Amino acid sequence: MALLFAVHSTVTWALVGLIWTIQVVHYPSLGEVGPERFHGFHERHMSRIGPLVVPLMLAEAGSAVWLLLLGERSGLFWLSLAGLALVWGSTWFFQVPLHLRLSQGHDPDAIRKLVATNLWRTAGWTLRGLCLSAILFSRTSPAPTSPAPRTGAPSESHGANGGSGRTGG
């Protein structure tokens, strides 16, 4: 299960990097493309991003289900699954319809909504990455060692007379 968890986390972090690039660089640039060039620009975006993001999203969801089937039940994992639900919900209810609208042509309102609603996916994936990293860290960091217990009473060899073990003179 450790290897699957590491692969799952790696896929999630790949998506975190991708979504931040989309959020900060690519989606805002849609507003900078003029109406005469917009259709081709958006079409190229859609044809290039799909083969990259769809396999990663499917691998992420599939490995999450697999981890659940293998018994992963930590609280942080459940929280990461809430982030995953947010990502998929935002994708299907906001990003897909907005991209369909943009496939018809330049639409400044749709671009603004795309950037704004994509923050939900950015937050969901970032939450997932942080949760999964915290789980990995907690499972791979060495357990703290505690000092030997102290009884409070002096030992026989280290009594009140300096540790000689003798009681008389």
N, C-alpha and C. Protein backbone atom coordinates (compact mmCIF):
# COMPACT_ATOMS: atom_id res chain seq x y z
N MET A 1 0.83 -1.20 0.00
CA MET A 1 0.00 0.00 0.00
C MET A 1 0.88 1.26 0.00
N ALA A 2 2.09 1.18 0.56
CA ALA A 2 2.96 2.36 0.62
C ALA A 2 3.33 2.85 -0.78
N LEU A 3 3.63 1.92 -1.68
CA LEU A 3 4.00 2.31 -3.04
C LEU A 3 2.80 2.95 -3.74
N LEU A 4 1.62 2.37 -3.60
CA LEU A 4 0.42 2.93 -4.20
C LEU A 4 0.16 4.33 -3.65
N PHE A 5 0.34 4.51 -2.35
CA PHE A 5 0.12 5.82 -1.75
C PHE A 5 1.12 6.84 -2.31
N ALA A 6 2.36 6.42 -2.50
CA ALA A 6 3.38 7.33 -3.06
C ALA A 6 3.03 7.69 -4.50
N VAL A 7 2.57 6.72 -5.29
CA VAL A 7 2.17 7.01 -6.68
C VAL A 7 0.97 7.94 -6.68
N HIS A 8 0.00 7.66 -5.83
CA HIS A 8 -1.20 8.51 -5.72
C HIS A 8 -0.80 9.95 -5.39
N SER A 9 0.07 10.11 -4.42
CA SER A 9 0.52 11.45 -4.03
C SER A 9 1.28 12.14 -5.16
N THR A 10 2.09 11.40 -5.88
CA THR A 10 2.85 11.97 -6.99
C THR A 10 1.92 12.47 -8.08
N VAL A 11 0.92 11.69 -8.41
CA VAL A 11 -0.06 12.11 -9.43
C VAL A 11 -0.79 13.36 -8.95
N THR A 12 -1.18 13.38 -7.69
CA THR A 12 -1.87 14.55 -7.16
C THR A 12 -0.98 15.79 -7.26
N TRP A 13 0.29 15.67 -6.88
CA TRP A 13 1.18 16.83 -6.95
C TRP A 13 1.43 17.27 -8.38
N ALA A 14 1.43 16.33 -9.33
CA ALA A 14 1.53 16.73 -10.74
C ALA A 14 0.33 17.60 -11.12
N LEU A 15 -0.84 17.22 -10.64
CA LEU A 15 -2.05 17.99 -10.92
C LEU A 15 -2.05 19.33 -10.18
N VAL A 16 -1.48 19.36 -8.99
CA VAL A 16 -1.36 20.63 -8.26
C VAL A 16 -0.52 21.61 -9.08
N GLY A 17 0.62 21.15 -9.57
CA GLY A 17 1.46 22.02 -10.38
C GLY A 17 0.78 22.46 -11.65
N LEU A 18 0.08 21.54 -12.28
CA LEU A 18 -0.63 21.86 -13.51
C LEU A 18 -1.74 22.89 -13.26
N ILE A 19 -2.53 22.69 -12.21
CA ILE A 19 -3.66 23.59 -11.99
C ILE A 19 -3.18 24.99 -11.60
N TRP A 20 -2.07 25.09 -10.86
CA TRP A 20 -1.55 26.42 -10.53
C TRP A 20 -1.05 27.12 -11.79
N THR A 21 -0.46 26.38 -12.70
CA THR A 21 -0.01 26.97 -13.97
C THR A 21 -1.21 27.45 -14.78
N ILE A 22 -2.25 26.64 -14.81
CA ILE A 22 -3.47 27.02 -15.53
C ILE A 22 -4.09 28.26 -14.88
N GLN A 23 -4.18 28.24 -13.54
CA GLN A 23 -4.83 29.33 -12.81
C GLN A 23 -4.09 30.66 -12.94
N VAL A 24 -2.78 30.62 -12.83
CA VAL A 24 -1.99 31.86 -12.77
C VAL A 24 -1.54 32.33 -14.14
N VAL A 25 -1.29 31.38 -15.06
CA VAL A 25 -0.70 31.75 -16.34
C VAL A 25 -1.70 31.62 -17.49
N HIS A 26 -2.26 30.43 -17.64
CA HIS A 26 -2.98 30.16 -18.87
C HIS A 26 -4.38 30.78 -18.93
N TYR A 27 -5.23 30.51 -17.93
CA TYR A 27 -6.59 31.05 -18.00
C TYR A 27 -6.62 32.57 -18.09
N PRO A 28 -5.80 33.29 -17.31
CA PRO A 28 -5.80 34.75 -17.48
C PRO A 28 -5.38 35.18 -18.89
N SER A 29 -4.51 34.40 -19.53
CA SER A 29 -4.07 34.78 -20.88
C SER A 29 -5.19 34.66 -21.91
N LEU A 30 -6.25 33.91 -21.60
CA LEU A 30 -7.38 33.81 -22.52
C LEU A 30 -7.99 35.20 -22.75
N GLY A 31 -7.97 36.03 -21.71
CA GLY A 31 -8.52 37.38 -21.84
C GLY A 31 -7.65 38.31 -22.66
N GLU A 32 -6.41 37.90 -22.91
CA GLU A 32 -5.50 38.74 -23.67
C GLU A 32 -5.47 38.41 -25.15
N VAL A 33 -6.16 37.34 -25.52
CA VAL A 33 -6.22 36.94 -26.93
C VAL A 33 -7.42 37.64 -27.55
N GLY A 34 -7.20 38.34 -28.61
CA GLY A 34 -8.28 39.08 -29.27
C GLY A 34 -9.32 38.15 -29.87
N PRO A 35 -10.52 38.68 -30.10
CA PRO A 35 -11.61 37.88 -30.65
C PRO A 35 -11.26 37.20 -31.98
N GLU A 36 -10.44 37.86 -32.80
CA GLU A 36 -10.11 37.29 -34.11
C GLU A 36 -9.23 36.04 -34.00
N ARG A 37 -8.45 35.91 -32.93
CA ARG A 37 -7.56 34.74 -32.78
C ARG A 37 -8.04 33.79 -31.69
N PHE A 38 -9.11 34.14 -31.01
CA PHE A 38 -9.52 33.39 -29.82
C PHE A 38 -9.93 31.96 -30.15
N HIS A 39 -10.74 31.77 -31.16
CA HIS A 39 -11.26 30.43 -31.46
C HIS A 39 -10.12 29.42 -31.64
N GLY A 40 -9.14 29.76 -32.45
CA GLY A 40 -8.01 28.85 -32.68
C GLY A 40 -7.18 28.63 -31.42
N PHE A 41 -6.99 29.71 -30.64
CA PHE A 41 -6.21 29.59 -29.40
C PHE A 41 -6.90 28.65 -28.43
N HIS A 42 -8.20 28.84 -28.24
CA HIS A 42 -8.96 28.01 -27.30
C HIS A 42 -9.03 26.57 -27.80
N GLU A 43 -9.21 26.39 -29.08
CA GLU A 43 -9.26 25.04 -29.65
C GLU A 43 -7.94 24.30 -29.42
N ARG A 44 -6.81 24.98 -29.62
CA ARG A 44 -5.51 24.36 -29.37
C ARG A 44 -5.34 24.03 -27.88
N HIS A 45 -5.79 24.92 -27.02
CA HIS A 45 -5.74 24.65 -25.58
C HIS A 45 -6.49 23.36 -25.26
N MET A 46 -7.70 23.26 -25.75
CA MET A 46 -8.52 22.09 -25.43
C MET A 46 -7.92 20.80 -25.99
N SER A 47 -7.40 20.85 -27.18
CA SER A 47 -6.85 19.62 -27.78
C SER A 47 -5.53 19.21 -27.12
N ARG A 48 -4.83 20.14 -26.51
CA ARG A 48 -3.56 19.82 -25.87
C ARG A 48 -3.70 19.49 -24.38
N ILE A 49 -4.63 20.13 -23.71
CA ILE A 49 -4.74 19.94 -22.27
C ILE A 49 -5.43 18.61 -21.93
N GLY A 50 -6.39 18.21 -22.74
CA GLY A 50 -7.12 16.97 -22.47
C GLY A 50 -6.23 15.74 -22.34
N PRO A 51 -5.37 15.46 -23.32
CA PRO A 51 -4.51 14.28 -23.22
C PRO A 51 -3.53 14.34 -22.04
N LEU A 52 -3.31 15.52 -21.52
CA LEU A 52 -2.43 15.65 -20.37
C LEU A 52 -3.19 15.45 -19.06
N VAL A 53 -4.32 16.15 -18.91
CA VAL A 53 -5.01 16.17 -17.62
C VAL A 53 -5.94 14.97 -17.41
N VAL A 54 -6.59 14.48 -18.45
CA VAL A 54 -7.56 13.40 -18.27
C VAL A 54 -6.91 12.13 -17.71
N PRO A 55 -5.80 11.64 -18.28
CA PRO A 55 -5.19 10.44 -17.69
C PRO A 55 -4.74 10.65 -16.24
N LEU A 56 -4.23 11.84 -15.93
CA LEU A 56 -3.82 12.10 -14.55
C LEU A 56 -5.01 12.11 -13.60
N MET A 57 -6.11 12.75 -14.01
CA MET A 57 -7.30 12.78 -13.16
C MET A 57 -7.87 11.38 -12.95
N LEU A 58 -7.88 10.58 -14.01
CA LEU A 58 -8.39 9.21 -13.88
C LEU A 58 -7.47 8.37 -12.99
N ALA A 59 -6.16 8.54 -13.14
CA ALA A 59 -5.21 7.82 -12.29
C ALA A 59 -5.36 8.23 -10.83
N GLU A 60 -5.58 9.52 -10.61
CA GLU A 60 -5.76 10.01 -9.24
C GLU A 60 -7.03 9.42 -8.62
N ALA A 61 -8.13 9.50 -9.34
CA ALA A 61 -9.40 8.97 -8.81
C ALA A 61 -9.33 7.46 -8.63
N GLY A 62 -8.77 6.77 -9.61
CA GLY A 62 -8.67 5.31 -9.52
C GLY A 62 -7.79 4.86 -8.37
N SER A 63 -6.66 5.53 -8.18
CA SER A 63 -5.78 5.14 -7.07
C SER A 63 -6.39 5.51 -5.72
N ALA A 64 -7.20 6.56 -5.67
CA ALA A 64 -7.91 6.90 -4.42
C ALA A 64 -8.90 5.80 -4.06
N VAL A 65 -9.65 5.33 -5.05
CA VAL A 65 -10.60 4.23 -4.79
C VAL A 65 -9.84 2.98 -4.36
N TRP A 66 -8.74 2.69 -5.03
CA TRP A 66 -7.95 1.51 -4.69
C TRP A 66 -7.44 1.60 -3.25
N LEU A 67 -6.97 2.78 -2.85
CA LEU A 67 -6.51 2.96 -1.48
C LEU A 67 -7.64 2.75 -0.48
N LEU A 68 -8.82 3.24 -0.82
CA LEU A 68 -9.98 3.00 0.06
C LEU A 68 -10.27 1.51 0.18
N LEU A 69 -10.23 0.80 -0.95
CA LEU A 69 -10.48 -0.64 -0.93
C LEU A 69 -9.44 -1.40 -0.12
N LEU A 70 -8.22 -0.89 -0.08
CA LEU A 70 -7.15 -1.51 0.69
C LEU A 70 -7.20 -1.13 2.17
N GLY A 71 -8.11 -0.22 2.54
CA GLY A 71 -8.30 0.10 3.95
C GLY A 71 -7.79 1.45 4.41
N GLU A 72 -7.40 2.32 3.51
CA GLU A 72 -6.95 3.66 3.93
C GLU A 72 -8.14 4.42 4.50
N ARG A 73 -8.03 4.82 5.77
CA ARG A 73 -9.15 5.49 6.43
C ARG A 73 -8.73 6.68 7.29
N SER A 74 -7.53 7.20 7.11
CA SER A 74 -7.09 8.30 7.97
C SER A 74 -7.95 9.53 7.74
N GLY A 75 -8.05 10.35 8.75
CA GLY A 75 -8.84 11.57 8.65
C GLY A 75 -8.35 12.50 7.54
N LEU A 76 -7.03 12.61 7.41
CA LEU A 76 -6.49 13.47 6.36
C LEU A 76 -6.79 12.90 4.97
N PHE A 77 -6.86 11.58 4.86
CA PHE A 77 -7.20 11.00 3.56
C PHE A 77 -8.65 11.33 3.21
N TRP A 78 -9.55 11.24 4.20
CA TRP A 78 -10.95 11.60 3.95
C TRP A 78 -11.06 13.07 3.55
N LEU A 79 -10.28 13.93 4.22
CA LEU A 79 -10.28 15.35 3.87
C LEU A 79 -9.77 15.55 2.44
N SER A 80 -8.75 14.78 2.05
CA SER A 80 -8.24 14.89 0.68
C SER A 80 -9.29 14.43 -0.33
N LEU A 81 -10.11 13.45 0.06
CA LEU A 81 -11.18 12.99 -0.83
C LEU A 81 -12.26 14.07 -0.99
N ALA A 82 -12.47 14.86 0.05
CA ALA A 82 -13.39 15.99 -0.08
C ALA A 82 -12.83 16.98 -1.10
N GLY A 83 -11.52 17.19 -1.07
CA GLY A 83 -10.88 18.03 -2.08
C GLY A 83 -11.05 17.46 -3.47
N LEU A 84 -10.95 16.15 -3.59
CA LEU A 84 -11.12 15.49 -4.89
C LEU A 84 -12.55 15.67 -5.40
N ALA A 85 -13.52 15.54 -4.51
CA ALA A 85 -14.92 15.75 -4.90
C ALA A 85 -15.13 17.19 -5.36
N LEU A 86 -14.51 18.13 -4.67
CA LEU A 86 -14.59 19.54 -5.07
C LEU A 86 -14.01 19.74 -6.47
N VAL A 87 -12.87 19.12 -6.73
CA VAL A 87 -12.22 19.24 -8.04
C VAL A 87 -13.13 18.70 -9.15
N TRP A 88 -13.64 17.48 -8.96
CA TRP A 88 -14.49 16.88 -9.99
C TRP A 88 -15.80 17.64 -10.16
N GLY A 89 -16.39 18.07 -9.04
CA GLY A 89 -17.63 18.84 -9.13
C GLY A 89 -17.44 20.15 -9.86
N SER A 90 -16.37 20.86 -9.53
CA SER A 90 -16.09 22.12 -10.19
C SER A 90 -15.80 21.91 -11.68
N THR A 91 -15.08 20.85 -11.98
CA THR A 91 -14.76 20.55 -13.38
C THR A 91 -16.04 20.36 -14.18
N TRP A 92 -16.95 19.51 -13.71
CA TRP A 92 -18.13 19.16 -14.49
C TRP A 92 -19.22 20.23 -14.46
N PHE A 93 -19.33 20.95 -13.34
CA PHE A 93 -20.42 21.93 -13.24
C PHE A 93 -20.02 23.34 -13.67
N PHE A 94 -18.71 23.62 -13.69
CA PHE A 94 -18.28 24.98 -14.07
C PHE A 94 -17.34 24.98 -15.27
N GLN A 95 -16.18 24.32 -15.16
CA GLN A 95 -15.17 24.44 -16.20
C GLN A 95 -15.63 23.85 -17.54
N VAL A 96 -16.22 22.67 -17.53
CA VAL A 96 -16.66 22.07 -18.81
C VAL A 96 -17.72 22.95 -19.49
N PRO A 97 -18.78 23.38 -18.80
CA PRO A 97 -19.75 24.25 -19.48
C PRO A 97 -19.14 25.58 -19.97
N LEU A 98 -18.23 26.14 -19.18
CA LEU A 98 -17.61 27.40 -19.61
C LEU A 98 -16.71 27.19 -20.83
N HIS A 99 -16.00 26.08 -20.87
CA HIS A 99 -15.18 25.81 -22.05
C HIS A 99 -16.07 25.56 -23.29
N LEU A 100 -17.20 24.91 -23.09
CA LEU A 100 -18.13 24.72 -24.22
C LEU A 100 -18.62 26.08 -24.72
N ARG A 101 -18.90 26.96 -23.80
CA ARG A 101 -19.34 28.31 -24.17
C ARG A 101 -18.22 29.04 -24.92
N LEU A 102 -17.00 28.91 -24.44
CA LEU A 102 -15.86 29.57 -25.08
C LEU A 102 -15.52 28.96 -26.43
N SER A 103 -15.90 27.72 -26.65
CA SER A 103 -15.64 27.10 -27.95
C SER A 103 -16.46 27.77 -29.05
N GLN A 104 -17.47 28.54 -28.65
CA GLN A 104 -18.29 29.28 -29.61
C GLN A 104 -17.65 30.62 -30.00
N GLY A 105 -16.66 31.05 -29.21
CA GLY A 105 -15.99 32.31 -29.52
C GLY A 105 -15.61 33.09 -28.29
N HIS A 106 -14.95 34.19 -28.49
CA HIS A 106 -14.46 35.06 -27.42
C HIS A 106 -15.62 35.56 -26.59
N ASP A 107 -15.50 35.39 -25.25
CA ASP A 107 -16.57 35.79 -24.34
C ASP A 107 -15.92 36.24 -23.03
N PRO A 108 -15.70 37.54 -22.88
CA PRO A 108 -15.00 38.04 -21.68
C PRO A 108 -15.66 37.62 -20.36
N ASP A 109 -16.99 37.57 -20.33
CA ASP A 109 -17.68 37.15 -19.11
C ASP A 109 -17.38 35.69 -18.78
N ALA A 110 -17.39 34.83 -19.79
CA ALA A 110 -17.08 33.41 -19.57
C ALA A 110 -15.63 33.24 -19.13
N ILE A 111 -14.72 34.04 -19.66
CA ILE A 111 -13.31 33.95 -19.25
C ILE A 111 -13.17 34.35 -17.79
N ARG A 112 -13.82 35.43 -17.37
CA ARG A 112 -13.76 35.85 -15.97
C ARG A 112 -14.32 34.76 -15.06
N LYS A 113 -15.43 34.17 -15.46
CA LYS A 113 -16.03 33.09 -14.65
C LYS A 113 -15.13 31.86 -14.61
N LEU A 114 -14.46 31.57 -15.72
CA LEU A 114 -13.55 30.43 -15.78
C LEU A 114 -12.41 30.62 -14.78
N VAL A 115 -11.81 31.80 -14.78
CA VAL A 115 -10.71 32.09 -13.85
C VAL A 115 -11.22 32.03 -12.40
N ALA A 116 -12.37 32.62 -12.15
CA ALA A 116 -12.90 32.67 -10.78
C ALA A 116 -13.29 31.29 -10.26
N THR A 117 -14.01 30.51 -11.06
CA THR A 117 -14.46 29.20 -10.59
C THR A 117 -13.33 28.18 -10.55
N ASN A 118 -12.28 28.41 -11.33
CA ASN A 118 -11.14 27.50 -11.29
C ASN A 118 -10.40 27.59 -9.97
N LEU A 119 -10.62 28.65 -9.22
CA LEU A 119 -10.01 28.74 -7.88
C LEU A 119 -10.45 27.58 -7.00
N TRP A 120 -11.68 27.09 -7.21
CA TRP A 120 -12.16 25.95 -6.42
C TRP A 120 -11.31 24.71 -6.72
N ARG A 121 -11.00 24.48 -7.99
CA ARG A 121 -10.15 23.33 -8.33
C ARG A 121 -8.73 23.53 -7.79
N THR A 122 -8.24 24.75 -7.91
CA THR A 122 -6.90 25.04 -7.40
C THR A 122 -6.84 24.78 -5.89
N ALA A 123 -7.85 25.23 -5.18
CA ALA A 123 -7.90 25.00 -3.72
C ALA A 123 -8.05 23.51 -3.41
N GLY A 124 -8.92 22.82 -4.13
CA GLY A 124 -9.14 21.39 -3.89
C GLY A 124 -7.88 20.58 -4.11
N TRP A 125 -7.19 20.81 -5.21
CA TRP A 125 -5.96 20.06 -5.47
C TRP A 125 -4.85 20.43 -4.50
N THR A 126 -4.77 21.69 -4.14
CA THR A 126 -3.75 22.10 -3.17
C THR A 126 -4.01 21.45 -1.82
N LEU A 127 -5.26 21.45 -1.39
CA LEU A 127 -5.64 20.77 -0.15
C LEU A 127 -5.25 19.30 -0.20
N ARG A 128 -5.55 18.65 -1.32
CA ARG A 128 -5.20 17.23 -1.47
C ARG A 128 -3.69 17.02 -1.34
N GLY A 129 -2.93 17.83 -2.04
CA GLY A 129 -1.48 17.66 -1.99
C GLY A 129 -0.95 17.82 -0.58
N LEU A 130 -1.44 18.81 0.13
CA LEU A 130 -0.97 19.04 1.50
C LEU A 130 -1.39 17.90 2.43
N CYS A 131 -2.62 17.43 2.31
CA CYS A 131 -3.08 16.32 3.14
C CYS A 131 -2.26 15.05 2.89
N LEU A 132 -2.06 14.73 1.62
CA LEU A 132 -1.31 13.52 1.29
C LEU A 132 0.14 13.63 1.72
N SER A 133 0.72 14.81 1.60
CA SER A 133 2.09 15.01 2.07
C SER A 133 2.18 14.84 3.59
N ALA A 134 1.21 15.36 4.30
CA ALA A 134 1.19 15.21 5.76
C ALA A 134 1.10 13.74 6.15
N ILE A 135 0.28 12.98 5.43
CA ILE A 135 0.16 11.54 5.71
C ILE A 135 1.49 10.85 5.44
N LEU A 136 2.08 11.13 4.29
CA LEU A 136 3.37 10.52 3.95
C LEU A 136 4.43 10.88 4.98
N PHE A 137 4.47 12.14 5.38
CA PHE A 137 5.46 12.57 6.36
C PHE A 137 5.26 11.83 7.68
N SER A 138 4.01 11.72 8.11
CA SER A 138 3.75 11.07 9.40
C SER A 138 4.10 9.58 9.36
N ARG A 139 4.03 8.99 8.20
CA ARG A 139 4.31 7.55 8.09
C ARG A 139 5.77 7.24 7.81
N THR A 140 6.51 8.23 7.36
CA THR A 140 7.91 7.97 7.01
C THR A 140 8.90 8.62 7.97
N SER A 141 8.45 9.54 8.80
CA SER A 141 9.37 10.17 9.74
C SER A 141 9.60 9.21 10.90
N PRO A 142 10.83 9.20 11.43
CA PRO A 142 11.10 8.29 12.54
C PRO A 142 10.28 8.66 13.76
N ALA A 143 9.87 7.64 14.49
CA ALA A 143 9.09 7.88 15.70
C ALA A 143 9.99 8.50 16.74
N PRO A 144 9.47 9.47 17.48
CA PRO A 144 10.31 10.08 18.52
C PRO A 144 10.65 9.05 19.58
N THR A 145 11.88 9.10 20.05
CA THR A 145 12.29 8.17 21.11
C THR A 145 12.13 8.87 22.44
N SER A 146 11.71 8.11 23.41
CA SER A 146 11.53 8.69 24.74
C SER A 146 12.67 8.20 25.63
N PRO A 147 13.06 9.02 26.58
CA PRO A 147 14.13 8.60 27.48
C PRO A 147 13.67 7.45 28.36
N ALA A 148 14.64 6.73 28.90
CA ALA A 148 14.31 5.61 29.80
C ALA A 148 13.53 6.14 30.99
N PRO A 149 12.56 5.37 31.45
CA PRO A 149 11.75 5.85 32.59
C PRO A 149 12.61 5.97 33.85
N ARG A 150 12.31 6.97 34.63
CA ARG A 150 13.01 7.19 35.89
C ARG A 150 12.10 6.77 37.03
N THR A 151 12.67 6.08 37.96
CA THR A 151 11.86 5.59 39.09
C THR A 151 11.81 6.59 40.22
N GLY A 152 12.79 7.48 40.27
CA GLY A 152 12.80 8.47 41.34
C GLY A 152 13.63 8.04 42.54
N ALA A 153 13.88 6.76 42.72
CA ALA A 153 14.66 6.28 43.86
C ALA A 153 16.10 6.04 43.41
N PRO A 154 17.07 6.34 44.24
CA PRO A 154 18.46 6.07 43.85
C PRO A 154 18.68 4.57 43.71
N SER A 155 19.53 4.21 42.76
CA SER A 155 19.82 2.79 42.58
C SER A 155 20.79 2.33 43.64
N GLU A 156 20.90 1.03 43.79
CA GLU A 156 21.77 0.47 44.83
C GLU A 156 23.22 0.87 44.62
N SER A 157 23.65 0.93 43.38
CA SER A 157 25.05 1.24 43.15
C SER A 157 25.33 2.74 43.17
N HIS A 158 24.30 3.54 43.20
CA HIS A 158 24.48 4.99 43.24
C HIS A 158 23.67 5.59 44.37
N GLY A 159 23.90 5.14 45.54
CA GLY A 159 23.15 5.58 46.70
C GLY A 159 23.53 6.98 47.14
N ALA A 160 23.09 7.30 48.32
CA ALA A 160 23.29 8.64 48.86
C ALA A 160 24.75 8.92 49.22
N ASN A 161 25.59 7.91 49.24
CA ASN A 161 26.97 8.13 49.63
C ASN A 161 27.92 8.29 48.43
N GLY A 162 27.42 8.70 47.33
CA GLY A 162 28.28 8.99 46.20
C GLY A 162 28.36 7.87 45.20
N GLY A 163 27.61 6.83 45.36
CA GLY A 163 27.56 5.79 44.35
C GLY A 163 28.56 4.68 44.57
N SER A 164 29.18 4.59 45.72
CA SER A 164 30.15 3.52 45.92
C SER A 164 29.47 2.18 46.19
N GLY A 165 28.22 2.24 46.55
CA GLY A 165 27.50 1.00 46.85
C GLY A 165 27.72 0.56 48.29
N ARG A 166 28.59 1.24 49.03
CA ARG A 166 28.85 0.89 50.42
C ARG A 166 27.96 1.74 51.32
N THR A 167 27.53 1.17 52.40
CA THR A 167 26.68 1.91 53.32
C THR A 167 27.43 2.37 54.55
N GLY A 168 28.51 1.86 54.82
CA GLY A 168 29.23 2.25 56.03
C GLY A 168 30.62 2.76 55.72
N GLY A 169 31.38 2.97 56.83
CA GLY A 169 32.67 3.56 56.63
C GLY A 169 33.73 2.74 57.08
